[in-house]
N, C-alpha and C. Protein backbone atom coordinates (compact mmCIF):
# COMPACT_ATOMS: atom_id res chain seq x y z
N MET A 1 107.88 31.07 71.30
CA MET A 1 106.88 30.02 71.17
C MET A 1 105.69 30.30 72.04
N ALA A 2 104.63 30.59 71.34
CA ALA A 2 103.35 30.90 72.13
C ALA A 2 102.61 29.66 72.31
N ALA A 3 102.05 29.44 73.43
CA ALA A 3 101.23 28.27 73.76
C ALA A 3 99.90 28.45 73.12
N GLU A 4 99.50 27.38 72.33
CA GLU A 4 98.18 27.52 71.70
C GLU A 4 97.16 27.12 72.73
N ALA A 5 96.00 27.81 72.50
CA ALA A 5 94.85 27.59 73.44
C ALA A 5 94.11 26.42 72.86
N THR A 6 94.05 25.39 73.60
CA THR A 6 93.36 24.15 73.25
C THR A 6 91.91 24.07 73.88
N ARG A 7 91.07 23.51 73.25
CA ARG A 7 89.73 23.29 73.80
C ARG A 7 89.66 22.03 74.40
N PRO A 8 89.14 21.87 75.71
CA PRO A 8 89.08 20.58 76.33
C PRO A 8 88.04 19.71 75.62
N GLU A 9 88.31 18.39 75.70
CA GLU A 9 87.52 17.47 75.07
C GLU A 9 86.90 16.54 76.07
N GLY A 10 85.87 15.77 75.64
CA GLY A 10 85.23 14.76 76.48
C GLY A 10 84.41 15.34 77.59
N TRP A 11 84.65 14.84 78.84
CA TRP A 11 84.01 15.17 80.04
C TRP A 11 84.23 16.67 80.36
N PHE A 12 85.46 17.13 80.13
CA PHE A 12 85.85 18.46 80.43
C PHE A 12 85.17 19.54 79.57
N ALA A 13 84.70 19.13 78.44
CA ALA A 13 84.06 20.02 77.50
C ALA A 13 82.69 20.49 77.88
N ARG A 14 82.08 19.77 78.76
CA ARG A 14 80.64 20.08 79.18
C ARG A 14 80.66 21.37 79.90
N PRO A 15 79.64 22.16 79.79
CA PRO A 15 79.56 23.41 80.51
C PRO A 15 79.43 23.15 82.01
N ILE A 16 80.01 23.95 82.76
CA ILE A 16 80.01 23.80 84.26
C ILE A 16 78.90 24.77 84.77
N GLY A 17 78.03 24.20 85.55
CA GLY A 17 76.93 25.08 86.14
C GLY A 17 76.30 24.31 87.24
N PRO A 18 75.62 25.08 88.19
CA PRO A 18 75.06 24.39 89.27
C PRO A 18 73.76 23.58 88.87
N SER A 19 73.55 22.52 89.53
CA SER A 19 72.41 21.69 89.19
C SER A 19 71.21 22.17 89.98
N GLY A 20 70.03 21.75 89.71
CA GLY A 20 68.86 22.20 90.42
C GLY A 20 68.89 21.74 91.86
N THR A 21 69.36 20.53 92.08
CA THR A 21 69.40 20.03 93.47
C THR A 21 70.35 20.87 94.30
N VAL A 22 71.52 21.16 93.77
CA VAL A 22 72.53 21.97 94.47
C VAL A 22 72.02 23.37 94.81
N GLU A 23 71.31 23.91 93.85
CA GLU A 23 70.72 25.29 94.01
C GLU A 23 69.74 25.23 95.10
N GLU A 24 68.86 24.21 95.08
CA GLU A 24 67.79 24.15 96.13
C GLU A 24 68.37 23.93 97.47
N ALA A 25 69.38 23.07 97.57
CA ALA A 25 70.07 22.85 98.86
C ALA A 25 70.76 24.08 99.41
N SER A 26 71.41 24.81 98.42
CA SER A 26 72.06 26.07 98.87
C SER A 26 71.09 27.07 99.39
N ARG A 27 69.90 27.16 98.71
CA ARG A 27 68.90 28.10 99.16
C ARG A 27 68.33 27.70 100.44
N VAL A 28 68.11 26.43 100.69
CA VAL A 28 67.60 26.04 102.00
C VAL A 28 68.66 26.30 103.13
N ALA A 29 69.89 25.98 102.80
CA ALA A 29 70.93 26.18 103.78
C ALA A 29 71.09 27.68 104.16
N GLY A 30 70.91 28.52 103.18
CA GLY A 30 70.92 29.99 103.48
C GLY A 30 69.81 30.43 104.33
N ARG A 31 68.63 29.88 104.13
CA ARG A 31 67.47 30.18 104.91
C ARG A 31 67.61 29.71 106.30
N LEU A 32 68.23 28.50 106.45
CA LEU A 32 68.39 27.90 107.78
C LEU A 32 69.49 28.53 108.58
N ALA A 33 70.44 29.18 107.86
CA ALA A 33 71.55 29.88 108.60
C ALA A 33 71.06 31.09 109.26
N ALA A 34 69.92 31.66 108.78
CA ALA A 34 69.38 32.91 109.38
C ALA A 34 68.86 32.60 110.69
N PRO A 35 69.21 33.44 111.80
CA PRO A 35 68.65 33.20 113.08
C PRO A 35 67.15 33.26 113.21
N SER A 36 66.57 32.41 114.04
CA SER A 36 65.16 32.43 114.15
C SER A 36 64.73 33.54 115.09
N GLU A 37 63.52 34.04 114.81
CA GLU A 37 63.10 35.22 115.61
C GLU A 37 62.19 34.74 116.77
N ALA A 38 61.72 33.54 116.64
CA ALA A 38 60.90 32.98 117.77
C ALA A 38 61.80 32.38 118.79
N ALA A 39 61.47 32.69 120.10
CA ALA A 39 62.40 32.21 121.21
C ALA A 39 61.50 31.88 122.35
N THR A 40 62.03 30.89 123.20
CA THR A 40 61.31 30.53 124.42
C THR A 40 61.61 31.59 125.43
N GLY A 41 60.96 31.39 126.65
CA GLY A 41 61.25 32.35 127.70
C GLY A 41 62.63 32.37 128.18
N ALA A 42 63.39 31.25 128.01
CA ALA A 42 64.77 31.14 128.35
C ALA A 42 65.71 31.67 127.31
N GLY A 43 65.17 32.17 126.22
CA GLY A 43 65.95 32.65 125.08
C GLY A 43 66.38 31.68 124.06
N LEU A 44 65.97 30.41 124.19
CA LEU A 44 66.32 29.40 123.26
C LEU A 44 65.45 29.53 122.03
N PRO A 45 65.91 29.09 120.85
CA PRO A 45 65.03 29.14 119.71
C PRO A 45 63.94 28.05 119.78
N VAL A 46 62.77 28.38 119.22
CA VAL A 46 61.63 27.52 119.22
C VAL A 46 61.82 26.47 118.15
N ARG A 47 61.67 25.24 118.47
CA ARG A 47 61.89 24.16 117.51
C ARG A 47 60.65 24.01 116.59
N THR A 48 60.89 23.96 115.32
CA THR A 48 59.88 23.71 114.35
C THR A 48 60.14 22.28 113.75
N PRO A 49 59.20 21.33 113.96
CA PRO A 49 59.54 19.99 113.44
C PRO A 49 59.58 19.92 111.98
N LYS A 50 60.64 19.23 111.48
CA LYS A 50 60.93 18.98 110.05
C LYS A 50 61.24 20.26 109.31
N ALA A 51 61.73 21.36 109.99
CA ALA A 51 62.02 22.56 109.36
C ALA A 51 63.42 22.56 108.69
N HIS A 52 64.31 21.63 109.12
CA HIS A 52 65.66 21.65 108.64
C HIS A 52 65.93 20.53 107.64
N LEU A 53 64.85 19.94 107.11
CA LEU A 53 65.07 18.90 106.09
C LEU A 53 65.39 19.54 104.81
N VAL A 54 66.45 19.06 104.14
CA VAL A 54 66.90 19.48 102.89
C VAL A 54 66.20 18.63 101.78
N PRO A 55 65.57 19.30 100.82
CA PRO A 55 64.84 18.56 99.78
C PRO A 55 65.80 17.62 99.05
N GLY A 56 65.35 16.40 98.85
CA GLY A 56 66.11 15.36 98.18
C GLY A 56 66.99 14.54 99.10
N ALA A 57 67.10 14.97 100.38
CA ALA A 57 68.02 14.18 101.27
C ALA A 57 67.48 12.81 101.65
N PHE A 58 66.11 12.70 101.66
CA PHE A 58 65.50 11.51 102.02
C PHE A 58 64.58 10.96 100.90
N ALA A 59 64.45 9.72 100.75
CA ALA A 59 63.60 9.18 99.68
C ALA A 59 62.11 9.49 100.03
N GLU A 60 61.36 9.69 99.03
CA GLU A 60 59.92 9.98 99.23
C GLU A 60 59.25 8.76 99.67
N GLY A 61 58.15 8.92 100.37
CA GLY A 61 57.26 7.74 100.88
C GLY A 61 57.72 7.31 102.25
N THR A 62 56.99 6.25 102.62
CA THR A 62 57.35 5.72 103.97
C THR A 62 58.37 4.62 103.81
N PRO A 63 59.31 4.52 104.83
CA PRO A 63 60.38 3.48 104.68
C PRO A 63 59.81 2.14 105.01
N ALA A 64 60.42 1.09 104.51
CA ALA A 64 59.93 -0.26 104.77
C ALA A 64 60.15 -0.52 106.28
N GLY A 65 59.21 -1.16 106.88
CA GLY A 65 59.24 -1.45 108.33
C GLY A 65 60.15 -2.56 108.60
N ALA A 66 60.52 -2.79 109.87
CA ALA A 66 61.29 -3.91 110.31
C ALA A 66 60.52 -5.16 110.16
N PRO A 67 61.14 -6.26 109.89
CA PRO A 67 60.41 -7.49 109.73
C PRO A 67 59.72 -7.94 111.03
N ARG A 68 58.57 -8.46 110.94
CA ARG A 68 57.80 -8.84 112.25
C ARG A 68 58.48 -10.22 112.73
N ARG A 69 58.73 -10.15 114.04
CA ARG A 69 59.25 -11.36 114.70
C ARG A 69 58.33 -11.79 115.82
N SER A 70 58.29 -13.11 116.06
CA SER A 70 57.46 -13.57 117.17
C SER A 70 58.26 -13.39 118.45
N ALA A 71 57.57 -13.52 119.58
CA ALA A 71 58.14 -13.41 120.84
C ALA A 71 59.28 -14.43 121.13
N GLU A 72 59.05 -15.62 120.55
CA GLU A 72 60.09 -16.62 120.76
C GLU A 72 61.29 -16.27 119.93
N GLU A 73 61.27 -15.77 118.76
CA GLU A 73 62.38 -15.40 117.96
C GLU A 73 63.19 -14.31 118.70
N VAL A 74 62.47 -13.31 119.28
CA VAL A 74 63.12 -12.22 119.97
C VAL A 74 63.86 -12.71 121.27
N ARG A 75 63.16 -13.66 122.00
CA ARG A 75 63.75 -14.18 123.19
C ARG A 75 64.95 -15.04 122.88
N ASP A 76 64.89 -15.81 121.86
CA ASP A 76 66.05 -16.61 121.50
C ASP A 76 67.29 -15.72 121.12
N ARG A 77 67.02 -14.67 120.35
CA ARG A 77 68.07 -13.67 119.90
C ARG A 77 68.67 -12.99 121.18
N LEU A 78 67.84 -12.50 122.13
CA LEU A 78 68.32 -11.93 123.29
C LEU A 78 69.07 -12.92 124.20
N ARG A 79 68.67 -14.18 124.21
CA ARG A 79 69.34 -15.19 124.99
C ARG A 79 70.81 -15.36 124.39
N GLY A 80 70.84 -15.36 123.09
CA GLY A 80 72.15 -15.42 122.43
C GLY A 80 73.08 -14.32 122.78
N TYR A 81 72.54 -13.10 122.85
CA TYR A 81 73.36 -11.96 123.23
C TYR A 81 73.83 -12.13 124.69
N LEU A 82 72.90 -12.55 125.53
CA LEU A 82 73.26 -12.64 127.02
C LEU A 82 74.35 -13.76 127.13
N SER A 83 74.28 -14.85 126.39
CA SER A 83 75.30 -15.87 126.55
C SER A 83 76.61 -15.36 126.01
N GLY A 84 76.63 -14.59 125.06
CA GLY A 84 77.88 -14.04 124.49
C GLY A 84 78.49 -13.05 125.50
N VAL A 85 77.66 -12.22 126.17
CA VAL A 85 78.19 -11.31 127.11
C VAL A 85 78.71 -12.12 128.34
N GLU A 86 78.02 -13.15 128.74
CA GLU A 86 78.52 -13.87 129.89
C GLU A 86 79.83 -14.58 129.54
N ARG A 87 79.95 -15.15 128.30
CA ARG A 87 81.24 -15.74 127.96
C ARG A 87 82.36 -14.69 127.91
N GLY A 88 82.05 -13.48 127.40
CA GLY A 88 83.09 -12.41 127.32
C GLY A 88 83.49 -11.98 128.72
N ARG A 89 82.63 -12.05 129.78
CA ARG A 89 83.03 -11.49 131.04
C ARG A 89 83.60 -12.74 131.92
N SER A 90 83.52 -13.91 131.46
CA SER A 90 84.08 -15.02 132.25
C SER A 90 85.61 -14.95 132.22
N PRO A 91 86.33 -15.29 133.34
CA PRO A 91 87.72 -15.13 133.48
C PRO A 91 88.52 -16.09 132.65
N GLU A 92 87.97 -17.11 132.14
CA GLU A 92 88.69 -18.10 131.29
C GLU A 92 88.92 -17.60 129.91
């Protein structure tokens, strides 16, 4: 009895191949794995800001800022934290 070769159906029938995002991330990771030639006087690598960001890891544009709070709102919130800490430290 010979086993017949069956063709996968549905999701498994789609061709398997790397996506553009995976290829880009792999290329960036390979570039970052190579040692840097620039070094400080102590022999440490020189830091280049934002050099290790992988494309697509973060959303484009500026993130939404924190909501603005008045000084009274901040004071009340911190007072609540302080009272909770004091209750937690009390022996009762």
